[in-house]
Amino acid sequence: MAERINISIPEDLSARLSCFKDRLNVSKICQEAISHAVRIEEIKEEGALDMQKLIARLKEEKQQYGKKFIEEGYQYGLQDAYKTSLDDFLWIHNIWDGLGDTYSEIFEDYASDKSKEYIAKLEEDIMEDDEKKDQFGWGLTVMLDVKHFFAEGWFKGLFSVWEQIQPSLMKEEGPCDL
């Protein structure tokens, strides 16, 4: 069953249409135009859903790739925490929320030489190791920053220690409580 709708067109178009009304099936032309416009919107909607699925899947792949390096960075962050000064803990804690994706830049300033040497060697090994490129995919090993993942883990390790000691530091009595 067909549903009737009314459409409005500008007066000048109506005047032009009146000359050809006997040759044109206006109803069919409108149906085809509406059908075409609706299909375009459906495709956009499907594409948006597919795009979100694609983004979610690729983010998961990226996270899986980085998981190993985050875990290694975490271990190094734990070790470095025991060598970190109170001033550095406080400074890093102060800037932590604003770090965003700049982990690797701040990491360079605060990580131990051992941690920096490890990540440098790791990056070098990955670039030279065809087996790792086969394991992770060439694009992942070349395009994704291993140092970023490692530094993210390093900060998490460092702060897991800070979160444990901070309450004890705050209980101290004195003029310079934290």
Protein backbone atom coordinates (compact mmCIF):
# COMPACT_ATOMS: atom_id res chain seq x y z
CA MET A 1 0.00 0.00 0.00
CA ALA A 2 1.37 3.39 -0.93
CA GLU A 3 1.42 6.25 1.51
CA ARG A 4 0.59 9.69 0.22
CA ILE A 5 2.75 12.63 1.15
CA ASN A 6 2.62 16.22 0.04
CA ILE A 7 5.74 17.97 -1.16
CA SER A 8 6.29 21.64 -1.74
CA ILE A 9 8.36 23.07 -4.54
CA PRO A 10 9.30 26.68 -5.29
CA GLU A 11 6.97 28.62 -7.60
CA ASP A 12 9.54 28.98 -10.38
CA LEU A 13 10.11 25.19 -10.42
CA SER A 14 6.34 24.61 -10.45
CA ALA A 15 6.02 26.93 -13.48
CA ARG A 16 8.78 25.09 -15.32
CA LEU A 17 7.29 21.68 -14.37
CA SER A 18 3.85 22.66 -15.71
CA CYS A 19 5.29 22.71 -19.24
CA PHE A 20 6.36 19.05 -18.98
CA LYS A 21 3.86 17.61 -16.50
CA ASP A 22 2.21 15.41 -19.17
CA ARG A 23 5.61 13.84 -20.05
CA LEU A 24 7.00 13.39 -16.52
CA ASN A 25 5.82 11.02 -13.83
CA VAL A 26 6.39 13.42 -10.91
CA SER A 27 5.39 10.82 -8.34
CA LYS A 28 7.94 8.30 -9.66
CA ILE A 29 10.69 10.95 -9.89
CA CYS A 30 10.06 11.94 -6.26
CA GLN A 31 9.99 8.29 -5.14
CA GLU A 32 13.33 7.61 -6.82
CA ALA A 33 14.92 10.77 -5.39
CA ILE A 34 13.68 9.98 -1.88
CA SER A 35 14.76 6.35 -2.20
CA HIS A 36 18.22 7.46 -3.32
CA ALA A 37 18.55 9.97 -0.46
CA VAL A 38 17.39 7.41 2.12
CA ARG A 39 19.85 4.81 0.81
CA ILE A 40 22.71 7.31 1.10
CA GLU A 41 21.75 7.95 4.75
CA GLU A 42 21.53 4.19 5.41
CA ILE A 43 24.99 3.69 3.94
CA LYS A 44 26.38 6.51 6.05
CA GLU A 45 24.81 5.00 9.17
CA GLU A 46 26.11 1.51 8.36
CA GLY A 47 29.51 2.98 7.59
CA ALA A 48 29.56 4.82 10.90
CA LEU A 49 28.77 1.61 12.75
CA ASP A 50 31.37 -0.28 10.75
CA MET A 51 33.86 2.52 11.35
CA GLN A 52 33.34 2.29 15.12
CA LYS A 53 33.80 -1.49 14.97
CA LEU A 54 36.96 -1.06 12.92
CA ILE A 55 38.37 1.53 15.32
CA ALA A 56 37.58 -0.69 18.33
CA ARG A 57 39.21 -3.71 16.67
CA LEU A 58 42.34 -1.80 15.68
CA LYS A 59 42.64 -0.27 19.16
CA GLU A 60 42.49 -3.79 20.61
CA GLU A 61 45.23 -4.96 18.22
CA LYS A 62 47.36 -1.98 19.22
CA GLN A 63 46.81 -2.68 22.91
CA GLN A 64 47.66 -6.36 22.49
CA TYR A 65 50.83 -5.41 20.65
CA GLY A 66 51.80 -2.98 23.39
CA LYS A 67 50.83 -5.18 26.35
CA LYS A 68 54.20 -6.96 26.52
CA PHE A 69 56.10 -3.67 26.46
CA ILE A 70 53.80 -2.08 29.05
CA GLU A 71 54.43 -5.04 31.37
CA GLU A 72 58.20 -4.78 30.89
CA GLY A 73 58.07 -1.04 31.50
CA TYR A 74 56.04 -1.64 34.65
CA GLN A 75 58.78 -3.88 36.08
CA TYR A 76 61.44 -1.27 35.34
CA GLY A 77 59.24 1.46 36.83
CA LEU A 78 58.95 -0.54 40.05
CA GLN A 79 62.74 -0.83 40.22
CA ASP A 80 63.29 2.84 39.44
CA ALA A 81 60.75 3.91 42.07
CA TYR A 82 63.13 2.79 44.81
CA LYS A 83 65.77 5.17 43.45
CA THR A 84 63.45 8.13 42.83
CA SER A 85 63.77 11.20 45.05
CA LEU A 86 60.82 12.74 46.85
CA ASP A 87 61.19 15.85 44.70
CA ASP A 88 60.96 13.77 41.51
CA PHE A 89 57.98 11.77 42.82
CA LEU A 90 56.17 15.00 43.62
CA TRP A 91 57.06 16.60 40.30
CA ILE A 92 56.03 13.55 38.27
CA HIS A 93 52.85 13.19 40.32
CA ASN A 94 52.07 16.86 39.71
CA ILE A 95 52.38 16.55 35.91
CA TRP A 96 50.95 13.02 35.63
CA ASP A 97 47.38 14.05 34.80
CA GLY A 98 48.55 16.32 32.01
CA LEU A 99 50.87 13.80 30.38
CA GLY A 100 48.43 12.49 27.82
CA ASP A 101 50.50 10.75 25.17
CA THR A 102 53.84 12.31 26.12
CA TYR A 103 54.98 9.42 28.31
CA SER A 104 58.17 8.84 26.38
CA GLU A 105 59.28 12.48 26.61
CA ILE A 106 58.93 12.64 30.42
CA PHE A 107 60.32 9.12 30.74
CA GLU A 108 63.61 10.39 29.29
CA ASP A 109 63.92 12.90 32.13
CA TYR A 110 63.21 10.56 35.05
CA ALA A 111 64.00 6.96 34.13
CA SER A 112 67.20 5.35 35.27
CA ASP A 113 70.02 4.78 32.81
CA LYS A 114 69.28 1.06 33.07
CA SER A 115 65.67 1.61 31.94
CA LYS A 116 66.72 3.92 29.10
CA GLU A 117 69.39 1.48 27.94
CA TYR A 118 66.91 -1.38 28.02
CA ILE A 119 64.35 0.42 25.86
CA ALA A 120 67.02 1.61 23.42
CA LYS A 121 68.27 -1.97 23.03
CA LEU A 122 64.70 -3.24 22.70
CA GLU A 123 63.91 -0.75 19.94
CA GLU A 124 67.12 -1.65 18.14
CA ASP A 125 66.41 -5.39 18.41
CA ILE A 126 62.89 -5.01 17.10
CA MET A 127 64.01 -3.05 14.08
CA GLU A 128 66.65 -5.66 13.25
CA ASP A 129 64.65 -8.79 14.09
CA ASP A 130 62.65 -10.08 11.12
CA GLU A 131 61.09 -12.76 13.32
CA LYS A 132 59.56 -10.09 15.58
CA LYS A 133 58.33 -8.26 12.51
CA ASP A 134 56.69 -11.51 11.39
CA GLN A 135 55.26 -12.09 14.88
CA PHE A 136 53.78 -8.62 15.38
CA GLY A 137 53.47 -7.48 11.80
CA TRP A 138 55.86 -5.18 10.00
CA GLY A 139 53.60 -2.15 10.36
CA LEU A 140 53.21 -2.59 14.09
CA THR A 141 56.92 -2.90 14.76
CA VAL A 142 57.87 0.04 12.58
CA MET A 143 54.97 2.43 13.04
CA LEU A 144 53.99 1.99 16.69
CA ASP A 145 56.30 3.46 19.26
CA VAL A 146 57.54 0.68 21.53
CA LYS A 147 59.06 3.32 23.76
CA HIS A 148 55.63 4.86 24.35
CA PHE A 149 54.21 1.53 25.55
CA PHE A 150 57.27 0.86 27.70
CA ALA A 151 57.15 4.36 29.21
CA GLU A 152 53.42 4.01 29.93
CA GLY A 153 54.15 0.82 31.87
CA TRP A 154 57.14 2.46 33.56
CA PHE A 155 54.94 5.28 34.90
CA LYS A 156 52.34 2.78 36.11
CA GLY A 157 55.05 0.85 37.97
CA LEU A 158 56.50 4.01 39.46
CA PHE A 159 53.09 5.20 40.63
CA SER A 160 52.07 1.86 42.06
CA VAL A 161 54.93 2.36 44.54
CA TRP A 162 54.05 6.05 45.07
CA GLU A 163 50.43 5.17 45.86
CA GLN A 164 51.64 2.75 48.53
CA ILE A 165 54.02 5.17 50.22
CA GLN A 166 52.10 8.43 49.85
CA PRO A 167 49.61 7.74 52.68
CA SER A 168 52.49 7.06 55.08
CA LEU A 169 54.20 10.28 54.07
CA MET A 170 50.99 12.22 54.60
CA LYS A 171 50.64 10.90 58.19
CA GLU A 172 53.90 12.55 59.15
CA GLU A 173 53.44 15.53 61.42
CA GLY A 174 55.27 18.67 60.69
CA PRO A 175 55.16 21.91 58.74
CA CYS A 176 55.80 20.28 55.37
CA ASP A 177 53.13 17.58 55.27
CA LEU A 178 52.41 16.18 51.81
